[in-house]
Amino acid sequence: MKMNSLGLPIEETEILVTELNILLSNFQVYYQNLRGLHWNIRGKRFFDLHLKFEELYNDSQLKIDLIAERVLTLGGTPLHTFEDYIKMSKLAIGKNIHNDEEAIALIVNSLSQLLKIERIILNQAADIHDEGTNSMMSDFIKEQEKTIWMMKAWLEEEI
């Protein structure tokens, strides 16, 4: 088995890079959805949600950079065109969402999809002892699970 300079198997690392690029694409769509929600939210909860959406898109922007840098660290090239993002994304695109509950539901659904991708990456990284990717996915998963719990509580829904 051929290993790269990080001590990871080359073939499996290339597969992991592909999955990280899928995650990157989905995060880009999530980020853009959050920007749209931030700009277009209306109603009595405007002030609270406008700030929350800004907090979430700032966090997403940081995660996007971390994912792209991990792809580079593993020897890959991060996707960087909207064409690639749309092609690789599994997330619904939120267009002209003004309603608070519809906005929060989109966030919950998006985070649930991101978690599925992250768990795939977590398992692949664990299989090849890639602690760097594994640690990053663990951190993402922990934060996003908590955000889903809070958003579901806001919606008065069960997990």
N, C-alpha and C. Protein backbone atom coordinates (compact mmCIF):
# COMPACT_ATOMS: atom_id res chain seq x y z
N MET A 1 0.84 -1.17 0.00
CA MET A 1 0.00 0.00 0.00
C MET A 1 0.89 1.24 0.00
N LYS A 2 0.67 2.13 -0.98
CA LYS A 2 1.46 3.35 -1.06
C LYS A 2 0.91 4.40 -0.10
N MET A 3 1.84 5.06 0.59
CA MET A 3 1.48 6.07 1.57
C MET A 3 1.96 7.45 1.11
N ASN A 4 1.21 8.48 1.49
CA ASN A 4 1.65 9.84 1.20
C ASN A 4 2.57 10.34 2.32
N SER A 5 3.00 11.56 2.21
CA SER A 5 3.95 12.08 3.21
C SER A 5 3.32 12.30 4.58
N LEU A 6 1.99 12.24 4.66
CA LEU A 6 1.30 12.34 5.94
C LEU A 6 1.15 10.98 6.61
N GLY A 7 1.57 9.93 5.90
CA GLY A 7 1.44 8.58 6.43
C GLY A 7 0.07 7.97 6.19
N LEU A 8 -0.66 8.52 5.22
CA LEU A 8 -2.00 8.03 4.88
C LEU A 8 -1.96 7.31 3.54
N PRO A 9 -2.78 6.26 3.38
CA PRO A 9 -2.80 5.53 2.12
C PRO A 9 -3.33 6.42 0.99
N ILE A 10 -2.59 6.48 -0.10
CA ILE A 10 -2.89 7.41 -1.20
C ILE A 10 -4.27 7.17 -1.80
N GLU A 11 -4.59 5.94 -2.13
CA GLU A 11 -5.85 5.65 -2.80
C GLU A 11 -7.06 6.04 -1.93
N GLU A 12 -7.04 5.66 -0.67
CA GLU A 12 -8.13 5.97 0.24
C GLU A 12 -8.21 7.47 0.52
N THR A 13 -7.07 8.13 0.54
CA THR A 13 -7.04 9.58 0.76
C THR A 13 -7.67 10.30 -0.42
N GLU A 14 -7.47 9.81 -1.63
CA GLU A 14 -8.10 10.42 -2.80
C GLU A 14 -9.62 10.30 -2.72
N ILE A 15 -10.11 9.18 -2.23
CA ILE A 15 -11.55 9.00 -2.05
C ILE A 15 -12.06 9.98 -1.00
N LEU A 16 -11.31 10.14 0.07
CA LEU A 16 -11.67 11.07 1.14
C LEU A 16 -11.71 12.52 0.62
N VAL A 17 -10.78 12.87 -0.24
CA VAL A 17 -10.76 14.20 -0.85
C VAL A 17 -12.04 14.43 -1.65
N THR A 18 -12.48 13.42 -2.38
CA THR A 18 -13.73 13.54 -3.14
C THR A 18 -14.90 13.82 -2.21
N GLU A 19 -14.97 13.09 -1.11
CA GLU A 19 -16.05 13.30 -0.14
C GLU A 19 -15.96 14.68 0.51
N LEU A 20 -14.75 15.13 0.80
CA LEU A 20 -14.58 16.47 1.36
C LEU A 20 -15.02 17.54 0.37
N ASN A 21 -14.80 17.32 -0.92
CA ASN A 21 -15.27 18.27 -1.93
C ASN A 21 -16.79 18.26 -2.04
N ILE A 22 -17.40 17.11 -1.81
CA ILE A 22 -18.87 17.06 -1.77
C ILE A 22 -19.36 17.88 -0.57
N LEU A 23 -18.71 17.70 0.57
CA LEU A 23 -19.07 18.48 1.76
C LEU A 23 -18.86 19.97 1.51
N LEU A 24 -17.76 20.32 0.90
CA LEU A 24 -17.46 21.71 0.57
C LEU A 24 -18.57 22.31 -0.30
N SER A 25 -18.99 21.58 -1.30
CA SER A 25 -20.05 22.06 -2.19
C SER A 25 -21.36 22.27 -1.44
N ASN A 26 -21.69 21.34 -0.58
CA ASN A 26 -22.92 21.46 0.19
C ASN A 26 -22.84 22.62 1.18
N PHE A 27 -21.68 22.84 1.77
CA PHE A 27 -21.52 23.97 2.67
C PHE A 27 -21.64 25.29 1.93
N GLN A 28 -21.17 25.34 0.69
CA GLN A 28 -21.29 26.57 -0.09
C GLN A 28 -22.76 26.90 -0.35
N VAL A 29 -23.55 25.88 -0.67
CA VAL A 29 -24.98 26.10 -0.89
C VAL A 29 -25.65 26.50 0.43
N TYR A 30 -25.30 25.83 1.51
CA TYR A 30 -25.83 26.17 2.83
C TYR A 30 -25.50 27.63 3.17
N TYR A 31 -24.26 28.02 2.96
CA TYR A 31 -23.82 29.39 3.22
C TYR A 31 -24.67 30.39 2.43
N GLN A 32 -24.85 30.12 1.15
CA GLN A 32 -25.61 31.06 0.32
C GLN A 32 -27.08 31.10 0.74
N ASN A 33 -27.62 29.94 1.13
CA ASN A 33 -28.98 29.93 1.66
C ASN A 33 -29.08 30.82 2.90
N LEU A 34 -28.11 30.71 3.79
CA LEU A 34 -28.12 31.53 5.00
C LEU A 34 -28.04 33.02 4.68
N ARG A 35 -27.25 33.37 3.68
CA ARG A 35 -27.18 34.78 3.28
C ARG A 35 -28.54 35.26 2.81
N GLY A 36 -29.20 34.44 2.00
CA GLY A 36 -30.53 34.80 1.52
C GLY A 36 -31.54 34.92 2.65
N LEU A 37 -31.48 34.01 3.60
CA LEU A 37 -32.38 34.08 4.75
C LEU A 37 -32.12 35.35 5.55
N HIS A 38 -30.87 35.66 5.75
CA HIS A 38 -30.46 36.86 6.48
C HIS A 38 -31.01 38.13 5.81
N TRP A 39 -30.92 38.17 4.50
CA TRP A 39 -31.38 39.35 3.75
C TRP A 39 -32.90 39.44 3.67
N ASN A 40 -33.57 38.32 3.60
CA ASN A 40 -34.99 38.32 3.23
C ASN A 40 -35.97 38.04 4.36
N ILE A 41 -35.49 37.73 5.56
CA ILE A 41 -36.40 37.40 6.65
C ILE A 41 -37.27 38.62 6.98
N ARG A 42 -38.51 38.36 7.32
CA ARG A 42 -39.46 39.43 7.69
C ARG A 42 -40.26 38.98 8.89
N GLY A 43 -40.93 39.92 9.49
CA GLY A 43 -41.86 39.59 10.57
C GLY A 43 -41.36 40.02 11.94
N LYS A 44 -42.13 39.62 12.93
CA LYS A 44 -41.88 40.06 14.30
C LYS A 44 -40.59 39.50 14.89
N ARG A 45 -40.07 38.45 14.32
CA ARG A 45 -38.82 37.86 14.82
C ARG A 45 -37.61 38.29 13.98
N PHE A 46 -37.80 39.31 13.16
CA PHE A 46 -36.75 39.77 12.25
C PHE A 46 -35.43 40.02 12.96
N PHE A 47 -35.45 40.82 14.01
CA PHE A 47 -34.20 41.23 14.64
C PHE A 47 -33.42 40.04 15.19
N ASP A 48 -34.10 39.15 15.87
CA ASP A 48 -33.43 37.96 16.42
C ASP A 48 -32.90 37.05 15.32
N LEU A 49 -33.73 36.78 14.33
CA LEU A 49 -33.32 35.84 13.29
C LEU A 49 -32.28 36.44 12.35
N HIS A 50 -32.39 37.71 12.07
CA HIS A 50 -31.40 38.38 11.22
C HIS A 50 -30.00 38.20 11.82
N LEU A 51 -29.88 38.40 13.11
CA LEU A 51 -28.59 38.21 13.80
C LEU A 51 -28.17 36.74 13.83
N LYS A 52 -29.11 35.85 14.08
CA LYS A 52 -28.79 34.42 14.15
C LYS A 52 -28.30 33.92 12.80
N PHE A 53 -28.96 34.33 11.73
CA PHE A 53 -28.55 33.89 10.40
C PHE A 53 -27.16 34.42 10.06
N GLU A 54 -26.85 35.63 10.50
CA GLU A 54 -25.51 36.17 10.29
C GLU A 54 -24.48 35.34 11.06
N GLU A 55 -24.79 34.99 12.29
CA GLU A 55 -23.90 34.14 13.08
C GLU A 55 -23.66 32.81 12.37
N LEU A 56 -24.71 32.22 11.85
CA LEU A 56 -24.59 30.93 11.17
C LEU A 56 -23.80 31.03 9.87
N TYR A 57 -24.02 32.09 9.08
CA TYR A 57 -23.26 32.16 7.84
C TYR A 57 -21.80 32.51 8.08
N ASN A 58 -21.51 33.28 9.13
CA ASN A 58 -20.10 33.52 9.46
C ASN A 58 -19.41 32.23 9.88
N ASP A 59 -20.11 31.41 10.67
CA ASP A 59 -19.57 30.12 11.08
C ASP A 59 -19.36 29.21 9.86
N SER A 60 -20.31 29.23 8.95
CA SER A 60 -20.20 28.41 7.74
C SER A 60 -19.02 28.83 6.88
N GLN A 61 -18.81 30.12 6.80
CA GLN A 61 -17.68 30.63 6.02
C GLN A 61 -16.36 30.11 6.58
N LEU A 62 -16.23 30.06 7.89
CA LEU A 62 -15.03 29.52 8.51
C LEU A 62 -14.88 28.02 8.21
N LYS A 63 -15.99 27.30 8.28
CA LYS A 63 -15.95 25.86 8.02
C LYS A 63 -15.60 25.58 6.55
N ILE A 64 -16.10 26.39 5.65
CA ILE A 64 -15.78 26.25 4.23
C ILE A 64 -14.27 26.35 4.03
N ASP A 65 -13.67 27.33 4.68
CA ASP A 65 -12.22 27.50 4.57
C ASP A 65 -11.48 26.32 5.17
N LEU A 66 -11.94 25.81 6.30
CA LEU A 66 -11.30 24.65 6.92
C LEU A 66 -11.38 23.42 6.02
N ILE A 67 -12.52 23.22 5.40
CA ILE A 67 -12.70 22.06 4.51
C ILE A 67 -11.77 22.19 3.30
N ALA A 68 -11.74 23.37 2.68
CA ALA A 68 -10.88 23.57 1.52
C ALA A 68 -9.40 23.37 1.89
N GLU A 69 -9.01 23.88 3.04
CA GLU A 69 -7.62 23.70 3.47
C GLU A 69 -7.31 22.24 3.78
N ARG A 70 -8.29 21.50 4.27
CA ARG A 70 -8.06 20.07 4.52
C ARG A 70 -7.88 19.33 3.21
N VAL A 71 -8.68 19.69 2.21
CA VAL A 71 -8.52 19.09 0.88
C VAL A 71 -7.10 19.33 0.38
N LEU A 72 -6.63 20.54 0.52
CA LEU A 72 -5.26 20.88 0.09
C LEU A 72 -4.22 20.12 0.90
N THR A 73 -4.43 20.02 2.20
CA THR A 73 -3.50 19.30 3.07
C THR A 73 -3.38 17.84 2.65
N LEU A 74 -4.49 17.27 2.20
CA LEU A 74 -4.49 15.87 1.78
C LEU A 74 -4.02 15.68 0.34
N GLY A 75 -3.63 16.78 -0.31
CA GLY A 75 -3.07 16.68 -1.66
C GLY A 75 -4.06 16.88 -2.78
N GLY A 76 -5.29 17.29 -2.44
CA GLY A 76 -6.31 17.50 -3.46
C GLY A 76 -6.45 18.95 -3.85
N THR A 77 -7.42 19.20 -4.70
CA THR A 77 -7.76 20.55 -5.14
C THR A 77 -9.21 20.81 -4.75
N PRO A 78 -9.45 21.84 -3.93
CA PRO A 78 -10.83 22.12 -3.55
C PRO A 78 -11.65 22.65 -4.73
N LEU A 79 -12.88 22.20 -4.81
CA LEU A 79 -13.78 22.74 -5.82
C LEU A 79 -13.99 24.22 -5.53
N HIS A 80 -14.17 25.02 -6.58
CA HIS A 80 -14.27 26.46 -6.35
C HIS A 80 -15.14 27.18 -7.37
N THR A 81 -16.01 26.45 -8.06
CA THR A 81 -16.92 27.13 -8.97
C THR A 81 -18.36 26.83 -8.57
N PHE A 82 -19.24 27.78 -8.83
CA PHE A 82 -20.65 27.57 -8.52
C PHE A 82 -21.21 26.40 -9.32
N GLU A 83 -20.72 26.21 -10.52
CA GLU A 83 -21.15 25.07 -11.33
C GLU A 83 -20.87 23.75 -10.60
N ASP A 84 -19.68 23.62 -10.05
CA ASP A 84 -19.34 22.41 -9.29
C ASP A 84 -20.19 22.29 -8.03
N TYR A 85 -20.38 23.40 -7.34
CA TYR A 85 -21.15 23.35 -6.10
C TYR A 85 -22.57 22.86 -6.34
N ILE A 86 -23.21 23.41 -7.35
CA ILE A 86 -24.59 23.02 -7.65
C ILE A 86 -24.66 21.56 -8.07
N LYS A 87 -23.70 21.14 -8.87
CA LYS A 87 -23.68 19.75 -9.35
C LYS A 87 -23.48 18.76 -8.20
N MET A 88 -22.67 19.12 -7.22
CA MET A 88 -22.32 18.20 -6.14
C MET A 88 -23.23 18.31 -4.92
N SER A 89 -24.03 19.36 -4.84
CA SER A 89 -24.83 19.60 -3.64
C SER A 89 -26.08 18.73 -3.60
N LYS A 90 -26.43 18.35 -2.37
CA LYS A 90 -27.65 17.59 -2.11
C LYS A 90 -28.67 18.44 -1.36
N LEU A 91 -28.34 19.67 -1.08
CA LEU A 91 -29.20 20.54 -0.29
C LEU A 91 -30.24 21.24 -1.15
N ALA A 92 -31.41 21.47 -0.54
CA ALA A 92 -32.43 22.28 -1.20
C ALA A 92 -31.93 23.71 -1.26
N ILE A 93 -32.27 24.38 -2.32
CA ILE A 93 -31.91 25.79 -2.46
C ILE A 93 -33.09 26.62 -1.97
N GLY A 94 -32.82 27.47 -0.99
CA GLY A 94 -33.86 28.33 -0.44
C GLY A 94 -33.91 29.64 -1.21
N LYS A 95 -35.01 29.84 -1.90
CA LYS A 95 -35.14 31.05 -2.72
C LYS A 95 -36.32 31.88 -2.22
N ASN A 96 -36.06 33.14 -1.95
CA ASN A 96 -37.09 34.08 -1.54
C ASN A 96 -37.88 33.61 -0.32
N ILE A 97 -37.18 33.10 0.68
CA ILE A 97 -37.84 32.67 1.91
C ILE A 97 -37.91 33.86 2.85
N HIS A 98 -39.12 34.23 3.22
CA HIS A 98 -39.35 35.37 4.12
C HIS A 98 -39.89 34.92 5.48
N ASN A 99 -40.53 33.77 5.50
CA ASN A 99 -41.20 33.26 6.69
C ASN A 99 -40.21 32.64 7.67
N ASP A 100 -40.35 32.96 8.95
CA ASP A 100 -39.41 32.49 9.96
C ASP A 100 -39.40 30.97 10.10
N GLU A 101 -40.55 30.33 10.16
CA GLU A 101 -40.59 28.88 10.34
C GLU A 101 -40.06 28.14 9.12
N GLU A 102 -40.35 28.67 7.94
CA GLU A 102 -39.82 28.06 6.71
C GLU A 102 -38.29 28.20 6.67
N ALA A 103 -37.79 29.32 7.13
CA ALA A 103 -36.34 29.55 7.17
C ALA A 103 -35.66 28.59 8.13
N ILE A 104 -36.21 28.44 9.32
CA ILE A 104 -35.62 27.55 10.31
C ILE A 104 -35.70 26.10 9.85
N ALA A 105 -36.81 25.72 9.22
CA ALA A 105 -36.94 24.35 8.70
C ALA A 105 -35.89 24.08 7.62
N LEU A 106 -35.60 25.06 6.77
CA LEU A 106 -34.56 24.89 5.76
C LEU A 106 -33.20 24.67 6.42
N ILE A 107 -32.92 25.40 7.47
CA ILE A 107 -31.65 25.24 8.18
C ILE A 107 -31.56 23.85 8.79
N VAL A 108 -32.62 23.39 9.45
CA VAL A 108 -32.62 22.07 10.06
C VAL A 108 -32.40 20.99 9.00
N ASN A 109 -33.12 21.09 7.90
CA ASN A 109 -32.97 20.10 6.82
C ASN A 109 -31.57 20.13 6.23
N SER A 110 -31.03 21.31 6.05
CA SER A 110 -29.68 21.44 5.50
C SER A 110 -28.64 20.83 6.45
N LEU A 111 -28.75 21.16 7.72
CA LEU A 111 -27.80 20.61 8.69
C LEU A 111 -27.92 19.09 8.78
N SER A 112 -29.11 18.57 8.67
CA SER A 112 -29.30 17.11 8.69
C SER A 112 -28.59 16.46 7.51
N GLN A 113 -28.66 17.08 6.35
CA GLN A 113 -27.96 16.56 5.17
C GLN A 113 -26.45 16.66 5.34
N LEU A 114 -25.99 17.79 5.88
CA LEU A 114 -24.55 17.95 6.12
C LEU A 114 -24.05 16.89 7.09
N LEU A 115 -24.82 16.59 8.12
CA LEU A 115 -24.43 15.56 9.08
C LEU A 115 -24.24 14.20 8.41
N LYS A 116 -25.11 13.87 7.48
CA LYS A 116 -24.98 12.58 6.77
C LYS A 116 -23.65 12.50 6.03
N ILE A 117 -23.30 13.58 5.36
CA ILE A 117 -22.03 13.61 4.60
C ILE A 117 -20.85 13.56 5.57
N GLU A 118 -20.94 14.32 6.65
CA GLU A 118 -19.85 14.36 7.63
C GLU A 118 -19.64 13.01 8.29
N ARG A 119 -20.70 12.28 8.53
CA ARG A 119 -20.54 10.95 9.15
C ARG A 119 -19.88 9.96 8.19
N ILE A 120 -20.17 10.10 6.91
CA ILE A 120 -19.48 9.27 5.92
C ILE A 120 -17.99 9.58 5.96
N ILE A 121 -17.66 10.86 5.96
CA ILE A 121 -16.24 11.27 6.00
C ILE A 121 -15.60 10.83 7.31
N LEU A 122 -16.31 10.98 8.41
CA LEU A 122 -15.79 10.56 9.72
C LEU A 122 -15.40 9.09 9.70
N ASN A 123 -16.27 8.25 9.16
CA ASN A 123 -15.99 6.81 9.10
C ASN A 123 -14.83 6.50 8.16
N GLN A 124 -14.78 7.17 7.01
CA GLN A 124 -13.67 6.94 6.08
C GLN A 124 -12.35 7.38 6.68
N ALA A 125 -12.36 8.53 7.35
CA ALA A 125 -11.14 9.04 7.98
C ALA A 125 -10.68 8.10 9.09
N ALA A 126 -11.62 7.59 9.86
CA ALA A 126 -11.27 6.66 10.94
C ALA A 126 -10.64 5.39 10.37
N ASP A 127 -11.18 4.91 9.26
CA ASP A 127 -10.68 3.67 8.65
C ASP A 127 -9.21 3.77 8.23
N ILE A 128 -8.76 4.98 7.87
CA ILE A 128 -7.36 5.13 7.44
C ILE A 128 -6.51 5.87 8.49
N HIS A 129 -7.08 6.04 9.68
CA HIS A 129 -6.37 6.68 10.79
C HIS A 129 -5.99 8.13 10.48
N ASP A 130 -6.89 8.84 9.77
CA ASP A 130 -6.68 10.25 9.44
C ASP A 130 -7.29 11.09 10.56
N GLU A 131 -6.52 11.30 11.61
CA GLU A 131 -7.00 12.01 12.79
C GLU A 131 -7.33 13.47 12.49
N GLY A 132 -6.63 14.10 11.57
CA GLY A 132 -6.90 15.51 11.24
C GLY A 132 -8.30 15.69 10.69
N THR A 133 -8.67 14.87 9.72
CA THR A 133 -10.01 14.95 9.14
C THR A 133 -11.05 14.48 10.15
N ASN A 134 -10.72 13.41 10.87
CA ASN A 134 -11.62 12.86 11.86
C ASN A 134 -11.97 13.90 12.93
N SER A 135 -10.97 14.59 13.43
CA SER A 135 -11.17 15.60 14.46
C SER A 135 -12.05 16.74 13.95
N MET A 136 -11.79 17.18 12.73
CA MET A 136 -12.57 18.26 12.14
C MET A 136 -14.04 17.84 12.01
N MET A 137 -14.28 16.63 11.52
CA MET A 137 -15.66 16.16 11.37
C MET A 137 -16.34 16.02 12.72
N SER A 138 -15.62 15.53 13.71
CA SER A 138 -16.20 15.41 15.06
C SER A 138 -16.65 16.77 15.59
N ASP A 139 -15.81 17.78 15.39
CA ASP A 139 -16.15 19.13 15.84
C ASP A 139 -17.38 19.66 15.11
N PHE A 140 -17.41 19.48 13.79
CA PHE A 140 -18.55 19.93 13.00
C PHE A 140 -19.83 19.24 13.47
N ILE A 141 -19.78 17.94 13.62
CA ILE A 141 -20.95 17.15 14.00
C ILE A 141 -21.49 17.60 15.35
N LYS A 142 -20.61 17.76 16.30
CA LYS A 142 -21.02 18.18 17.65
C LYS A 142 -21.75 19.52 17.61
N GLU A 143 -21.20 20.49 16.90
CA GLU A 143 -21.81 21.81 16.81
C GLU A 143 -23.15 21.77 16.08
N GLN A 144 -23.20 21.03 14.99
CA GLN A 144 -24.41 21.00 14.18
C GLN A 144 -25.54 20.23 14.86
N GLU A 145 -25.20 19.20 15.60
CA GLU A 145 -26.24 18.50 16.36
C GLU A 145 -26.89 19.45 17.38
N LYS A 146 -26.07 20.25 18.04
CA LYS A 146 -26.59 21.20 19.01
C LYS A 146 -27.45 22.26 18.32
N THR A 147 -27.03 22.74 17.17
CA THR A 147 -27.81 23.73 16.43
C THR A 147 -29.15 23.15 16.00
N ILE A 148 -29.15 21.90 15.54
CA ILE A 148 -30.41 21.26 15.16
C ILE A 148 -31.33 21.17 16.38
N TRP A 149 -30.79 20.74 17.51
CA TRP A 149 -31.60 20.66 18.74
C TRP A 149 -32.23 22.02 19.05
N MET A 150 -31.44 23.09 18.98
CA MET A 150 -31.95 24.42 19.30
C MET A 150 -33.00 24.88 18.29
N MET A 151 -32.75 24.62 17.03
CA MET A 151 -33.71 25.02 15.99
C MET A 151 -35.01 24.23 16.11
N LYS A 152 -34.90 22.95 16.42
CA LYS A 152 -36.10 22.13 16.61
C LYS A 152 -36.87 22.60 17.85
N ALA A 153 -36.16 23.01 18.90
CA ALA A 153 -36.82 23.55 20.08
C ALA A 153 -37.55 24.85 19.72
N TRP A 154 -36.92 25.68 18.90
CA TRP A 154 -37.55 26.92 18.46
C TRP A 154 -38.82 26.62 17.68
N LEU A 155 -38.78 25.59 16.84
CA LEU A 155 -39.95 25.17 16.06
C LEU A 155 -40.99 24.43 16.90
N GLU A 156 -40.61 24.14 18.16
CA GLU A 156 -41.45 23.34 19.07
C GLU A 156 -41.68 21.94 18.51
N GLU A 157 -40.59 21.37 17.98
CA GLU A 157 -40.60 20.02 17.44
C GLU A 157 -39.63 19.14 18.21
N GLU A 158 -39.88 17.86 18.19
CA GLU A 158 -38.97 16.89 18.81
C GLU A 158 -37.82 16.60 17.86
N ILE A 159 -36.69 16.18 18.42
CA ILE A 159 -35.55 15.77 17.62
C ILE A 159 -35.95 14.55 16.84
